[in-house]
Amino acid sequence: MGYCLAMRNAADDRGNTVQSVDRAVTILELLAQHGTLGVTALARDLGVHKSTASRLVGALEQRHLVEQVEERGQYRLGSGILRLAGATNARLDLVEQARPVCRALAAETGDTVNVTVLDRGTAYYIDQVSGLPRNTSYNWVGQHIPLHATSNGKILVSELPEPELTRTLGDLVAYTEATVTDRALLDEQLACAREDGFAVAADELDVGLTAIAAPIRNAHNEIIASISVSGPTFRLTKEEVERIAPLVVTAGHDISGRLGWLVSPGEKR
């Protein structure tokens, strides 16, 4: 096969994939609009052959995004849609509940405050509040950051059991000379995070950046997110970290309380 022909075939494959995704999304939209539809009606609305509509519906059914109703051949939205919507609503609710606490913490410390969740083996930043105007900060929202090299990441995995912890961490890549790549040392840091209620990362992801993070818990006392304060290392000295850490822990407790978490008898607060 010539190079040009191979490139055309690759482009055709990409086009077919995009077209299939577009049609699958249209099926979901049609079912949301009409409630139930059969393959024949879906094929007509999509402008495709019935066999094509059937394949698309079959793929969506495997992911529980659509399901058959009692009448043979009729489909409706499935439980998978509720799962996806529930995850989105939970994340939006977390941001809504955390925002006033983050604003207060940013105002008190003058530093940048971030909220992250565990997502596909990374710390995923879902909200950020800047501190003092003079402290311009990189916008982390929407970024996936390594777990072992950040305070947020260390908090998010601090209570994971083995072997889930090992699977989630993956390779301990060095981003700076200060990045912890020794698993035994990282385990010690995670134990300290559980004991102290917060984690610190100084110059581990970027030289010159220090952050302090604490957990955010749900009503079942599970860590579902983390909140952090970050700033330049030259300003976040050891003494300053010791001053800010209790503030971050308290902020995590406050957000957790808004989400239904109750302090257990032995819990630090």
Protein backbone atom coordinates (compact mmCIF):
# COMPACT_ATOMS: atom_id res chain seq x y z
CA MET A 1 0.00 0.00 0.00
CA GLY A 2 1.37 3.42 -1.00
CA TYR A 3 1.90 6.22 1.52
CA CYS A 4 -0.82 8.46 0.03
CA LEU A 5 -3.34 5.62 0.00
CA ALA A 6 -2.52 4.76 3.62
CA MET A 7 -3.01 8.38 4.65
CA ARG A 8 -6.36 8.54 2.85
CA ASN A 9 -7.48 5.32 4.54
CA ALA A 10 -6.44 6.69 7.96
CA ALA A 11 -8.38 9.89 7.30
CA ASP A 12 -11.40 7.84 6.23
CA ASP A 13 -11.18 5.81 9.45
CA ARG A 14 -11.08 8.99 11.55
CA GLY A 15 -14.04 10.39 9.62
CA ASN A 16 -16.05 7.21 10.10
CA THR A 17 -15.27 7.20 13.83
CA VAL A 18 -16.39 10.81 14.27
CA GLN A 19 -19.54 10.10 12.27
CA SER A 20 -20.35 7.07 14.44
CA VAL A 21 -19.85 9.07 17.64
CA ASP A 22 -22.09 11.83 16.30
CA ARG A 23 -24.81 9.33 15.43
CA ALA A 24 -24.56 7.63 18.83
CA VAL A 25 -24.95 10.98 20.60
CA THR A 26 -27.93 11.77 18.36
CA ILE A 27 -29.56 8.50 19.43
CA LEU A 28 -29.22 9.52 23.07
CA GLU A 29 -30.70 12.93 22.29
CA LEU A 30 -33.62 11.36 20.40
CA LEU A 31 -34.39 8.98 23.27
CA ALA A 32 -34.19 11.88 25.73
CA GLN A 33 -36.69 13.76 23.58
CA HIS A 34 -39.15 10.97 22.80
CA GLY A 35 -38.77 8.61 25.75
CA THR A 36 -38.79 5.38 23.74
CA LEU A 37 -38.06 4.61 20.11
CA GLY A 38 -37.49 1.52 18.02
CA VAL A 39 -34.56 0.84 15.73
CA THR A 40 -36.66 1.58 12.64
CA ALA A 41 -37.63 5.03 13.92
CA LEU A 42 -34.05 5.76 14.98
CA ALA A 43 -32.73 4.72 11.56
CA ARG A 44 -35.24 7.01 9.88
CA ASP A 45 -34.36 10.01 12.05
CA LEU A 46 -30.64 9.38 11.60
CA GLY A 47 -30.99 8.86 7.85
CA VAL A 48 -29.13 5.55 7.97
CA HIS A 49 -29.85 1.90 7.19
CA LYS A 50 -31.63 -0.05 9.93
CA SER A 51 -28.59 -2.33 10.36
CA THR A 52 -26.38 0.69 11.09
CA ALA A 53 -28.81 1.99 13.69
CA SER A 54 -28.98 -1.47 15.24
CA ARG A 55 -25.18 -1.67 15.59
CA LEU A 56 -25.05 1.75 17.23
CA VAL A 57 -27.85 0.89 19.65
CA GLY A 58 -26.12 -2.39 20.46
CA ALA A 59 -22.89 -0.59 21.35
CA LEU A 60 -24.77 1.86 23.58
CA GLU A 61 -26.65 -1.01 25.21
CA GLN A 62 -23.38 -2.76 26.10
CA ARG A 63 -22.37 0.36 28.05
CA HIS A 64 -25.84 0.52 29.69
CA LEU A 65 -26.45 3.91 28.09
CA VAL A 66 -29.65 2.56 26.52
CA GLU A 67 -31.84 -0.38 27.44
CA GLN A 68 -34.74 -2.31 25.96
CA VAL A 69 -38.20 -1.77 27.38
CA GLU A 70 -40.83 -4.48 27.61
CA GLU A 71 -42.15 -3.84 24.10
CA ARG A 72 -39.83 -5.72 21.77
CA GLY A 73 -37.55 -3.45 19.78
CA GLN A 74 -38.20 -0.32 21.83
CA TYR A 75 -35.33 1.42 23.59
CA ARG A 76 -34.97 4.10 26.27
CA LEU A 77 -32.09 5.75 28.09
CA GLY A 78 -30.33 3.33 30.42
CA SER A 79 -28.89 3.40 33.91
CA GLY A 80 -25.46 4.34 32.59
CA ILE A 81 -26.78 7.81 31.84
CA LEU A 82 -27.77 8.22 35.48
CA ARG A 83 -24.31 7.13 36.59
CA LEU A 84 -22.64 9.71 34.35
CA ALA A 85 -25.08 12.43 35.36
CA GLY A 86 -24.63 11.57 39.03
CA ALA A 87 -20.86 11.89 38.77
CA THR A 88 -21.22 15.27 37.10
CA ASN A 89 -23.73 16.53 39.65
CA ALA A 90 -21.55 15.36 42.53
CA ARG A 91 -18.54 17.22 41.11
CA LEU A 92 -20.56 20.38 40.52
CA ASP A 93 -21.98 20.17 44.04
CA LEU A 94 -18.47 19.80 45.45
CA VAL A 95 -17.32 22.95 43.65
CA GLU A 96 -20.40 24.86 44.80
CA GLN A 97 -19.96 23.85 48.43
CA ALA A 98 -16.20 24.39 48.42
CA ARG A 99 -16.11 27.78 46.71
CA PRO A 100 -16.93 30.03 49.71
CA VAL A 101 -14.46 28.14 51.91
CA CYS A 102 -11.78 28.41 49.23
CA ARG A 103 -12.37 32.14 48.90
CA ALA A 104 -12.03 32.64 52.64
CA LEU A 105 -8.84 30.56 52.76
CA ALA A 106 -7.32 32.42 49.80
CA ALA A 107 -8.15 35.75 51.43
CA GLU A 108 -6.63 34.66 54.75
CA THR A 109 -3.40 33.24 53.33
CA GLY A 110 -2.99 35.44 50.26
CA ASP A 111 -2.09 32.31 48.28
CA THR A 112 -3.74 30.21 45.58
CA VAL A 113 -6.29 27.62 46.70
CA ASN A 114 -7.12 24.56 44.58
CA VAL A 115 -9.58 21.67 44.83
CA THR A 116 -8.75 18.36 43.17
CA VAL A 117 -10.28 14.92 42.74
CA LEU A 118 -8.78 11.54 41.88
CA ASP A 119 -9.23 10.88 38.17
CA ARG A 120 -7.61 8.16 36.08
CA GLY A 121 -4.48 7.91 38.19
CA THR A 122 -3.98 11.67 38.47
CA ALA A 123 -5.02 14.61 40.61
CA TYR A 124 -7.58 16.48 38.49
CA TYR A 125 -8.01 20.16 39.33
CA ILE A 126 -11.69 21.18 39.36
CA ASP A 127 -11.57 24.63 40.97
CA GLN A 128 -9.13 27.40 41.84
CA VAL A 129 -9.31 30.65 43.79
CA SER A 130 -6.43 33.11 43.62
CA GLY A 131 -5.12 34.96 46.66
CA LEU A 132 -3.74 38.48 46.58
CA PRO A 133 -3.83 40.21 43.16
CA ARG A 134 -0.05 40.55 43.16
CA ASN A 135 0.32 36.79 43.41
CA THR A 136 -0.48 35.88 39.83
CA SER A 137 -0.88 32.12 39.46
CA TYR A 138 -1.03 29.54 36.72
CA ASN A 139 -4.57 28.29 36.13
CA TRP A 140 -4.58 24.63 37.16
CA VAL A 141 -8.30 23.99 36.50
CA GLY A 142 -8.77 21.13 34.05
CA GLN A 143 -5.19 19.91 34.49
CA HIS A 144 -4.22 16.32 35.35
CA ILE A 145 -1.25 16.34 37.74
CA PRO A 146 0.93 13.41 38.97
CA LEU A 147 -0.13 11.99 42.31
CA HIS A 148 3.23 11.22 43.90
CA ALA A 149 4.73 14.64 43.14
CA THR A 150 1.98 16.85 44.59
CA SER A 151 0.47 17.45 48.00
CA ASN A 152 -3.03 17.06 46.55
CA GLY A 153 -2.11 13.74 44.99
CA LYS A 154 -0.60 12.39 48.20
CA ILE A 155 -3.78 13.24 50.10
CA LEU A 156 -6.01 11.66 47.45
CA VAL A 157 -4.21 8.30 47.67
CA SER A 158 -3.27 8.40 51.37
CA GLU A 159 -6.03 6.01 52.43
CA LEU A 160 -6.14 3.70 49.41
CA PRO A 161 -5.60 0.03 50.27
CA GLU A 162 -3.14 -2.21 48.50
CA PRO A 163 -3.01 -3.28 45.69
CA GLU A 164 -5.21 -0.37 44.58
CA LEU A 165 -2.61 2.12 45.78
CA THR A 166 0.15 0.59 43.65
CA ARG A 167 -2.09 0.43 40.57
CA THR A 168 -3.19 4.04 41.03
CA LEU A 169 0.30 5.45 41.60
CA GLY A 170 1.88 3.81 38.57
CA ASP A 171 5.50 4.70 37.85
CA LEU A 172 7.11 7.20 40.21
CA VAL A 173 8.59 9.55 37.64
CA ALA A 174 11.10 12.21 38.71
CA TYR A 175 10.04 15.75 37.71
CA THR A 176 12.69 17.52 39.78
CA GLU A 177 15.54 16.47 42.03
CA ALA A 178 13.13 16.73 44.98
CA THR A 179 10.49 14.38 43.52
CA VAL A 180 10.00 11.32 45.72
CA THR A 181 10.59 8.27 43.53
CA ASP A 182 11.37 5.79 46.32
CA ARG A 183 8.21 3.88 47.19
CA ALA A 184 9.25 3.25 50.79
CA LEU A 185 9.80 6.97 51.37
CA LEU A 186 6.49 7.79 49.69
CA ASP A 187 4.72 5.28 51.94
CA GLU A 188 6.22 7.07 54.95
CA GLN A 189 4.89 10.38 53.65
CA LEU A 190 1.43 8.90 53.14
CA ALA A 191 1.48 7.57 56.70
CA CYS A 192 2.40 11.05 57.94
CA ALA A 193 -0.44 12.52 55.89
CA ARG A 194 -2.89 10.15 57.55
CA GLU A 195 -1.51 11.00 60.99
CA ASP A 196 -1.16 14.77 60.54
CA GLY A 197 -4.21 15.34 58.36
CA PHE A 198 -2.25 17.15 55.65
CA ALA A 199 0.56 16.66 53.12
CA VAL A 200 3.28 18.97 51.85
CA ALA A 201 5.15 18.95 48.54
CA ALA A 202 8.06 21.39 48.09
CA ASP A 203 9.73 21.70 44.67
CA GLU A 204 8.59 18.18 43.75
CA LEU A 205 6.60 18.98 40.61
CA ASP A 206 8.06 22.38 39.77
CA VAL A 207 11.15 23.93 41.32
CA GLY A 208 10.03 26.97 43.29
CA LEU A 209 6.50 25.72 44.02
CA THR A 210 5.31 24.52 47.44
CA ALA A 211 1.82 23.32 48.35
CA ILE A 212 -0.02 22.09 51.45
CA ALA A 213 -3.11 19.90 51.01
CA ALA A 214 -5.77 18.38 53.26
CA PRO A 215 -8.60 15.91 52.60
CA ILE A 216 -12.25 16.59 51.81
CA ARG A 217 -14.52 13.76 52.96
CA ASN A 218 -18.06 12.64 52.22
CA ALA A 219 -20.71 11.51 54.67
CA HIS A 220 -19.10 8.03 54.77
CA ASN A 221 -15.74 9.46 55.93
CA GLU A 222 -14.14 8.67 52.56
CA ILE A 223 -11.66 11.03 50.93
CA ILE A 224 -13.36 12.29 47.77
CA ALA A 225 -11.24 15.37 47.09
CA SER A 226 -8.45 17.55 48.43
CA ILE A 227 -7.97 21.24 49.05
CA SER A 228 -4.58 22.90 48.85
CA VAL A 229 -2.78 26.19 49.32
CA SER A 230 0.18 26.76 47.00
CA GLY A 231 2.72 29.48 46.43
CA PRO A 232 6.39 30.18 45.79
CA THR A 233 8.80 28.17 47.91
CA PHE A 234 10.78 31.25 48.94
CA ARG A 235 7.67 32.58 50.65
CA LEU A 236 6.22 29.30 51.93
CA THR A 237 9.05 28.65 54.35
CA LYS A 238 8.93 25.87 56.94
CA GLU A 239 7.53 28.31 59.50
CA GLU A 240 4.89 29.57 57.06
CA VAL A 241 3.88 26.01 56.13
CA GLU A 242 3.42 25.22 59.84
CA ARG A 243 1.20 28.28 60.15
CA ILE A 244 -0.92 27.57 57.07
CA ALA A 245 -1.32 23.80 57.44
CA PRO A 246 -3.94 24.01 60.25
CA LEU A 247 -5.89 26.53 58.16
CA VAL A 248 -5.96 24.12 55.22
CA VAL A 249 -7.04 21.24 57.47
CA THR A 250 -9.86 23.35 58.92
CA ALA A 251 -10.97 24.36 55.43
CA GLY A 252 -11.09 20.69 54.43
CA HIS A 253 -13.19 19.94 57.50
CA ASP A 254 -15.55 22.81 56.72
CA ILE A 255 -16.14 21.64 53.14
CA SER A 256 -16.56 18.05 54.35
CA GLY A 257 -19.19 19.23 56.83
CA ARG A 258 -21.07 20.95 54.04
CA LEU A 259 -21.10 17.59 52.22
CA GLY A 260 -22.55 15.73 55.21
CA TRP A 261 -19.39 14.52 56.95
CA LEU A 262 -19.50 14.27 60.71
CA VAL A 263 -16.35 14.25 62.83
CA SER A 264 -15.84 10.84 64.40
CA PRO A 265 -14.91 10.69 68.11
CA GLY A 266 -11.20 10.12 67.45
CA GLU A 267 -10.93 12.50 64.51
CA LYS A 268 -8.64 15.53 64.67
CA ARG A 269 -10.28 18.86 64.08
